[in-house]
Protein backbone atom coordinates (compact mmCIF):
# COMPACT_ATOMS: atom_id res chain seq x y z
CA VAL A 1 8.42 9.60 5.85
CA MET A 2 5.64 10.19 3.35
CA SER A 3 3.53 7.38 1.97
CA ILE A 4 3.02 7.51 -1.80
CA LEU A 5 0.96 5.05 -3.85
CA LEU A 6 1.27 4.89 -7.63
CA HIS A 7 -1.78 3.68 -9.57
CA GLY A 8 -2.96 3.20 -13.13
CA ASP A 9 -6.31 4.77 -14.02
CA ALA A 10 -8.05 1.46 -14.83
CA ALA A 11 -6.78 -0.14 -11.61
CA PHE A 12 -7.71 2.90 -9.50
CA ALA A 13 -11.32 2.71 -10.67
CA GLY A 14 -11.54 -1.07 -10.92
CA GLN A 15 -9.69 -2.67 -8.01
CA GLY A 16 -11.64 -3.10 -4.79
CA VAL A 17 -8.46 -2.84 -2.71
CA VAL A 18 -8.26 0.89 -3.63
CA TYR A 19 -11.71 1.57 -2.12
CA GLU A 20 -10.84 -0.53 0.95
CA THR A 21 -7.55 1.33 1.43
CA PHE A 22 -9.35 4.69 1.38
CA HIS A 23 -11.68 3.45 4.11
CA LEU A 24 -8.68 2.38 6.21
CA SER A 25 -6.97 5.74 5.64
CA ASP A 26 -8.40 7.55 8.67
CA LEU A 27 -9.05 4.74 11.15
CA PRO A 28 -7.40 5.34 14.55
CA SER A 29 -4.92 2.46 14.53
CA TYR A 30 -4.30 2.22 10.80
CA THR A 31 -3.78 5.74 9.47
CA THR A 32 -0.53 6.73 7.74
CA ASN A 33 -1.54 10.37 8.40
CA GLY A 34 -2.29 10.86 4.73
CA THR A 35 -1.19 9.08 1.57
CA ILE A 36 -0.44 10.78 -1.74
CA HIS A 37 -2.07 8.80 -4.55
CA VAL A 38 -0.51 9.43 -7.96
CA VAL A 39 -2.67 8.12 -10.82
CA VAL A 40 -0.94 7.68 -14.17
CA ASN A 41 -4.07 8.19 -16.23
CA ASN A 42 -3.27 6.99 -19.74
CA GLN A 43 -7.02 6.73 -20.50
CA ILE A 44 -6.94 3.05 -21.38
CA GLY A 45 -6.86 -0.22 -19.43
CA PHE A 46 -4.80 -2.67 -21.50
CA THR A 47 -7.21 -2.50 -24.48
CA THR A 48 -10.37 -1.28 -22.70
CA ASP A 49 -11.83 2.20 -23.25
CA PRO A 50 -12.80 4.06 -20.04
CA ARG A 51 -16.49 4.15 -21.09
CA MET A 52 -16.48 0.33 -21.09
CA ALA A 53 -14.56 0.05 -17.83
CA ARG A 54 -16.28 2.35 -15.30
CA SER A 55 -19.50 4.28 -14.72
CA SER A 56 -18.00 7.50 -13.31
CA PRO A 57 -16.59 10.35 -15.44
CA TYR A 58 -13.15 10.26 -13.76
CA PRO A 59 -11.10 7.22 -12.68
CA THR A 60 -10.36 9.11 -9.44
CA ASP A 61 -14.00 9.51 -8.33
CA VAL A 62 -13.54 6.62 -5.88
CA ALA A 63 -11.38 8.99 -3.74
CA ARG A 64 -14.44 11.18 -3.13
CA VAL A 65 -15.56 8.60 -0.57
CA VAL A 66 -13.18 10.27 1.94
CA ASN A 67 -13.50 13.78 0.45
CA ALA A 68 -9.85 13.69 -0.64
CA PRO A 69 -8.89 16.64 -2.85
CA ILE A 70 -8.29 15.46 -6.43
CA PHE A 71 -6.01 17.42 -8.79
CA HIS A 72 -6.43 16.68 -12.50
CA VAL A 73 -3.30 17.92 -14.27
CA ASN A 74 -2.10 17.87 -17.87
CA ALA A 75 0.95 15.58 -17.78
CA ASP A 76 2.28 17.24 -20.95
CA ASP A 77 2.99 20.31 -18.77
CA PRO A 78 5.83 19.28 -16.39
CA GLU A 79 5.74 22.59 -14.50
CA ALA A 80 2.02 22.24 -13.80
CA VAL A 81 2.67 18.66 -12.60
CA MET A 82 5.43 19.88 -10.25
CA TYR A 83 3.20 22.64 -8.90
CA VAL A 84 0.31 20.26 -8.23
CA CYS A 85 2.62 17.73 -6.54
CA SER A 86 3.94 20.49 -4.24
CA VAL A 87 0.38 21.47 -3.31
CA ALA A 88 -0.46 17.79 -2.67
CA ALA A 89 2.58 17.36 -0.40
CA GLU A 90 1.68 20.55 1.47
CA TRP A 91 -1.94 19.38 1.89
CA ARG A 92 -0.79 16.04 3.27
CA ASN A 93 1.70 17.66 5.69
CA THR A 94 -0.82 20.26 6.88
CA PHE A 95 -3.98 18.16 7.25
CA ASN A 96 -2.64 14.57 7.46
CA LYS A 97 -5.26 13.40 4.99
CA ASP A 98 -5.18 11.58 1.65
CA VAL A 99 -4.80 13.54 -1.59
CA VAL A 100 -4.91 12.43 -5.24
CA VAL A 101 -2.92 13.65 -8.25
CA ASP A 102 -4.47 12.58 -11.56
CA LEU A 103 -1.79 12.80 -14.29
CA VAL A 104 -3.89 13.02 -17.48
CA CYS A 105 -1.63 11.56 -20.16
CA TYR A 106 -1.49 8.88 -22.86
CA ARG A 107 0.32 5.65 -23.63
CA ARG A 108 2.54 6.05 -26.68
CA ARG A 109 3.06 2.33 -27.36
CA GLY A 110 1.14 -0.87 -26.68
CA HIS A 111 0.41 -2.44 -23.32
CA ASN A 112 3.42 -4.73 -23.85
CA GLU A 113 5.78 -5.73 -26.64
CA MET A 114 3.17 -8.00 -28.24
CA ASP A 115 0.31 -5.49 -28.16
CA GLU A 116 -0.54 -3.38 -31.22
CA PRO A 117 -2.99 -0.69 -30.03
CA MET A 118 -3.96 0.23 -33.62
CA PHE A 119 -6.00 -3.01 -33.65
CA THR A 120 -8.37 -1.86 -30.92
CA GLN A 121 -7.94 1.96 -30.67
CA PRO A 122 -7.12 3.09 -34.25
CA LEU A 123 -8.56 6.62 -33.96
CA MET A 124 -6.94 7.29 -30.59
CA TYR A 125 -3.55 6.02 -31.76
CA LYS A 126 -3.64 8.11 -34.95
CA GLN A 127 -3.95 11.13 -32.64
CA ILE A 128 -1.18 9.86 -30.33
CA HIS A 129 1.24 9.40 -33.24
CA LYS A 130 0.74 13.07 -34.13
CA GLN A 131 1.38 14.16 -30.53
CA VAL A 132 4.80 15.72 -29.84
CA PRO A 133 6.45 13.78 -26.97
CA VAL A 134 6.55 15.69 -23.68
CA LEU A 135 10.36 15.67 -23.51
CA LYS A 136 10.70 17.36 -26.91
CA LYS A 137 7.83 19.74 -26.18
CA TYR A 138 9.35 20.91 -22.88
CA ALA A 139 12.92 21.01 -24.25
CA ASP A 140 11.78 23.21 -27.17
CA LYS A 141 10.07 25.56 -24.69
CA LEU A 142 13.19 25.83 -22.47
CA ILE A 143 15.46 26.39 -25.48
CA ALA A 144 13.08 29.04 -26.87
CA ASP A 145 13.02 30.75 -23.44
CA GLY A 146 16.83 30.69 -23.31
CA THR A 147 16.75 28.66 -20.07
CA VAL A 148 18.99 25.97 -21.62
CA THR A 149 20.88 25.69 -24.90
CA LEU A 150 20.40 22.94 -27.47
CA GLN A 151 23.91 21.70 -26.64
CA GLU A 152 23.12 21.44 -22.90
CA PHE A 153 19.93 19.53 -23.69
CA GLU A 154 21.73 17.08 -26.00
CA GLU A 155 24.50 16.55 -23.42
CA GLU A 156 21.90 15.75 -20.74
CA ILE A 157 20.19 13.21 -23.03
CA ALA A 158 23.55 11.60 -23.92
CA LYS A 159 24.47 11.42 -20.21
CA TYR A 160 21.18 9.69 -19.36
CA ASP A 161 21.53 7.22 -22.28
CA ARG A 162 25.08 6.44 -21.13
CA ILE A 163 23.88 5.66 -17.56
CA CYS A 164 21.27 3.24 -18.97
CA GLU A 165 23.68 1.57 -21.40
CA GLU A 166 26.39 1.09 -18.77
CA ALA A 167 23.90 -0.40 -16.30
CA TYR A 168 22.62 -2.74 -19.02
CA THR A 169 26.18 -3.85 -19.85
CA ARG A 170 26.97 -4.46 -16.16
CA SER A 171 23.77 -6.47 -15.72
CA LYS A 172 25.01 -9.07 -18.25
CA ASP A 173 27.95 -9.91 -15.96
CA LYS A 174 25.75 -10.56 -12.92
CA LYS A 175 25.88 -14.23 -11.97
CA ILE A 176 24.41 -14.13 -8.43
CA LEU A 177 21.16 -12.56 -7.26
CA HIS A 178 21.58 -10.94 -3.83
CA ILE A 179 18.08 -11.06 -2.35
CA LYS A 180 19.31 -9.37 0.84
CA HIS A 181 20.20 -6.19 -1.07
CA TRP A 182 16.54 -5.66 -1.90
CA LEU A 183 15.49 -5.66 1.73
CA ASP A 184 15.13 -2.20 3.23
CA SER A 185 16.37 -3.05 6.69
CA PRO A 186 16.91 -6.76 7.40
CA TRP A 187 16.08 -7.64 10.98
CA PRO A 188 19.31 -7.36 13.00
CA GLY A 189 20.49 -10.78 14.08
CA PHE A 190 18.13 -12.52 11.64
CA PHE A 191 20.82 -13.14 9.01
CA THR A 192 24.39 -14.39 9.29
CA ALA A 193 27.22 -12.26 7.84
CA ASP A 194 26.91 -13.88 4.40
CA GLY A 195 23.16 -13.21 4.24
CA GLU A 196 21.86 -16.65 5.18
CA PRO A 197 19.09 -16.95 7.81
CA LYS A 198 20.31 -18.15 11.20
CA SER A 199 18.92 -21.31 12.77
CA MET A 200 15.13 -21.27 12.62
CA SER A 201 14.60 -23.59 15.62
CA CYS A 202 12.07 -22.35 18.19
CA PRO A 203 12.41 -22.66 21.96
CA PRO A 204 9.72 -24.85 23.61
CA THR A 205 6.44 -22.92 23.89
CA GLY A 206 4.55 -25.20 26.26
CA ILE A 207 3.31 -23.86 29.61
CA SER A 208 2.26 -25.53 32.85
CA GLU A 209 -1.30 -26.66 33.56
CA GLU A 210 -1.24 -24.48 36.66
CA LEU A 211 -0.71 -21.37 34.50
CA LEU A 212 -3.41 -22.46 32.04
CA THR A 213 -5.87 -22.90 34.92
CA HIS A 214 -4.94 -19.46 36.27
CA ILE A 215 -5.56 -17.85 32.82
CA GLY A 216 -8.84 -19.78 32.46
CA ASN A 217 -10.05 -18.56 35.86
CA VAL A 218 -9.11 -14.94 35.09
CA ALA A 219 -10.78 -15.18 31.67
CA SER A 220 -14.01 -16.37 33.27
CA SER A 221 -14.16 -13.80 36.08
CA VAL A 222 -15.30 -10.16 36.35
CA PRO A 223 -12.48 -7.87 37.49
CA VAL A 224 -14.64 -5.34 39.36
CA GLN A 225 -16.53 -6.08 42.63
CA ASP A 226 -20.36 -5.76 42.54
CA PHE A 227 -20.28 -5.05 38.77
CA LYS A 228 -23.66 -5.74 37.13
CA ILE A 229 -22.93 -7.87 34.11
CA HIS A 230 -25.20 -8.71 31.16
CA SER A 231 -26.99 -12.00 31.83
CA GLY A 232 -25.91 -13.42 28.45
CA LEU A 233 -22.28 -12.68 29.29
CA SER A 234 -22.49 -14.19 32.74
CA ARG A 235 -23.70 -17.47 31.14
CA ILE A 236 -20.63 -17.45 28.84
CA LEU A 237 -18.27 -16.74 31.77
CA LYS A 238 -19.90 -19.49 33.86
CA ALA A 239 -19.52 -22.00 31.01
CA ARG A 240 -15.88 -20.95 30.62
CA ALA A 241 -15.20 -21.44 34.34
CA GLU A 242 -16.76 -24.94 34.17
CA MET A 243 -14.61 -25.85 31.16
CA THR A 244 -11.46 -24.75 33.00
CA GLN A 245 -12.52 -26.80 36.04
CA ASN A 246 -13.18 -29.87 33.85
CA ARG A 247 -9.85 -29.47 31.97
CA LEU A 248 -11.63 -28.76 28.66
CA VAL A 249 -11.16 -25.96 26.11
CA ASP A 250 -13.04 -24.62 23.10
CA TRP A 251 -11.53 -22.36 20.40
CA ALA A 252 -12.28 -19.14 22.27
CA LEU A 253 -10.78 -20.34 25.56
CA ALA A 254 -7.73 -21.74 23.73
CA GLU A 255 -7.20 -18.29 22.21
CA TYR A 256 -7.56 -16.67 25.64
CA MET A 257 -4.93 -19.02 27.02
CA ALA A 258 -2.53 -18.30 24.14
CA PHE A 259 -2.89 -14.51 24.51
CA GLY A 260 -2.88 -14.74 28.30
CA SER A 261 0.38 -16.72 28.39
CA VAL A 262 2.06 -14.16 26.10
CA LEU A 263 0.79 -11.31 28.32
CA LYS A 264 2.16 -13.12 31.39
CA GLU A 265 5.60 -12.90 29.77
CA GLY A 266 5.16 -9.11 29.58
CA ILE A 267 4.63 -9.02 25.81
CA HIS A 268 2.10 -6.43 24.60
CA VAL A 269 -0.76 -7.94 22.57
CA ARG A 270 -2.84 -5.80 20.22
CA LEU A 271 -5.79 -7.34 18.41
CA SER A 272 -7.25 -5.80 15.29
CA GLY A 273 -9.83 -6.88 12.78
CA GLN A 274 -13.49 -7.78 12.72
CA ASP A 275 -15.29 -8.65 15.92
CA VAL A 276 -12.21 -8.84 18.16
CA GLU A 277 -13.70 -6.29 20.56
CA ARG A 278 -16.44 -8.73 21.47
CA GLY A 279 -14.17 -11.78 21.30
CA THR A 280 -16.47 -13.48 18.77
CA PHE A 281 -13.70 -15.71 17.44
């Protein structure tokens, strides 16, 4: 399994979640052992020029925070793109670290059907209209090299168009949306044969007062004999023991009892997030 994230250039530079994800990328319990980030860099964010959208020269500069290698490649050169992607995959497999592929390209049409980019980027779009599309550019090169014939190229295009047209025709006959088909691997036993969830009723989750008292006493004790404990902590443990004795709970003790009862059933509990090590919440 290889994790791949696909980004737009404006989002890569502008969305805080990208920066946060990079900082999670090498943490002990969170790493995916390297993600390949592919940035489709069409040099425009909806209608915003890069110089108005970010302060760094490249949209990918945010990846420098983890010293990820960044490959800037001309997306009009498919062979260069393939080469760079192979290097990126090899880097990820060898070093288990993030890597970024910056596909430097352009957006031929507007952001959506309603958008006319000539309104906001007239000079850029005059240049784009003169640009030979990458498919034609690469096909001409392969035909000139004798790698493929014009007939083979045209047959391939016709075949692809036919696949799209047939799928479009079939889509008009669809009357039911099968949500289950979109799920990678539905939990076994979660759905019935026809895809409906089984009964969602829960078994009773209550536990005896005796068990709660036991968990409260364990949570307010020190497991090692003659262990010198911080005076601030001993006050907290003493207060917790008194609460248990007086049949009272606060949020922290209630959490302890919930986790403790799950542990008593032999279920592994892993806590992650801010301040869990010290049990602040």
